[in-house]
Amino acid sequence: MFFPERIKNIKGSYKVLEVGPGSSPFPRSDVLLEKRFDDKEALKQRGLQPKIEYNKPIYYYDGSKFPFQDNEFDYVICS
């Protein structure tokens, strides 16, 4: 997370999506969304860090349409 001081006022009841968390997702995120890369490119995208091990759902997409319904989230983080 590059700018955690900018993420304020996330209510406890909010469902939070983080787009492109890389190797350090924001702790308050409920769901992560990553673009699907081949293994070599994915390693570069993560800054040569190991694959994310996270106890929340991680969705992968092809870069075109997010795999969620409109208004499914109350707050979206993308940094």
Protein backbone atom coordinates (compact mmCIF):
# COMPACT_ATOMS: atom_id res chain seq x y z
CA MET A 1 0.00 0.00 0.00
CA PHE A 2 1.55 3.23 -1.14
CA PHE A 3 -0.72 5.78 0.58
CA PRO A 4 -2.39 4.25 3.67
CA GLU A 5 -2.82 7.73 5.20
CA ARG A 6 -5.21 8.58 2.34
CA ILE A 7 -7.54 5.69 3.12
CA LYS A 8 -9.86 7.03 5.77
CA ASN A 9 -13.46 6.67 6.83
CA ILE A 10 -13.94 3.03 5.86
CA LYS A 11 -16.87 2.02 8.04
CA GLY A 12 -16.76 -1.36 9.75
CA SER A 13 -19.80 -2.53 7.83
CA TYR A 14 -18.35 -1.65 4.40
CA LYS A 15 -17.42 -4.40 1.97
CA VAL A 16 -14.02 -3.35 0.58
CA LEU A 17 -12.48 -4.37 -2.75
CA GLU A 18 -8.80 -3.79 -3.44
CA VAL A 19 -7.75 -3.72 -7.08
CA GLY A 20 -4.14 -4.69 -7.80
CA PRO A 21 -2.85 -5.19 -4.25
CA GLY A 22 0.52 -6.50 -5.43
CA SER A 23 2.49 -8.05 -2.60
CA SER A 24 1.11 -5.88 0.22
CA PRO A 25 -2.69 -5.70 0.38
CA PHE A 26 -4.32 -3.16 2.67
CA PRO A 27 -5.38 -4.99 5.87
CA ARG A 28 -8.97 -3.72 5.71
CA SER A 29 -9.61 -5.17 2.24
CA ASP A 30 -12.26 -7.91 2.15
CA VAL A 31 -11.70 -9.05 -1.45
CA LEU A 32 -8.66 -8.73 -3.72
CA LEU A 33 -8.74 -8.40 -7.51
CA GLU A 34 -5.61 -9.10 -9.56
CA LYS A 35 -5.08 -9.13 -13.29
CA ARG A 36 -4.14 -12.57 -14.56
CA PHE A 37 -0.55 -12.68 -15.80
CA ASP A 38 1.64 -15.57 -16.86
CA ASP A 39 3.95 -16.72 -14.04
CA LYS A 40 7.01 -14.76 -15.19
CA GLU A 41 5.09 -11.49 -15.63
CA ALA A 42 3.18 -12.02 -12.37
CA LEU A 43 6.47 -12.20 -10.47
CA LYS A 44 7.53 -8.85 -11.98
CA GLN A 45 4.14 -7.32 -11.15
CA ARG A 46 4.61 -8.33 -7.51
CA GLY A 47 8.03 -6.67 -7.38
CA LEU A 48 9.73 -10.10 -7.29
CA GLN A 49 7.88 -10.92 -4.08
CA PRO A 50 6.34 -14.35 -3.39
CA LYS A 51 2.74 -15.02 -4.40
CA ILE A 52 0.21 -13.45 -2.05
CA GLU A 53 -0.85 -15.67 0.83
CA TYR A 54 -3.99 -14.06 2.16
CA ASN A 55 -6.97 -15.34 4.12
CA LYS A 56 -9.45 -13.36 1.99
CA PRO A 57 -10.76 -14.19 -1.49
CA ILE A 58 -8.50 -13.34 -4.44
CA TYR A 59 -10.11 -13.05 -7.87
CA TYR A 60 -8.17 -12.95 -11.11
CA TYR A 61 -9.47 -11.33 -14.30
CA ASP A 62 -8.30 -10.79 -17.87
CA GLY A 63 -8.09 -7.01 -17.65
CA SER A 64 -11.38 -6.28 -19.36
CA LYS A 65 -14.43 -6.54 -17.08
CA PHE A 66 -14.37 -6.93 -13.32
CA PRO A 67 -16.04 -10.19 -12.24
CA PHE A 68 -18.46 -8.49 -9.81
CA GLN A 69 -21.97 -7.07 -9.92
CA ASP A 70 -22.59 -3.32 -9.83
CA ASN A 71 -22.76 -1.92 -6.29
CA GLU A 72 -21.33 -5.12 -4.78
CA PHE A 73 -18.77 -3.09 -2.81
CA ASP A 74 -19.05 -0.03 -0.61
CA TYR A 75 -15.42 1.05 -0.95
CA VAL A 76 -12.76 0.36 -3.57
CA ILE A 77 -9.01 0.78 -3.09
CA CYS A 78 -6.74 1.05 -6.11
CA SER A 79 -3.26 2.49 -5.61
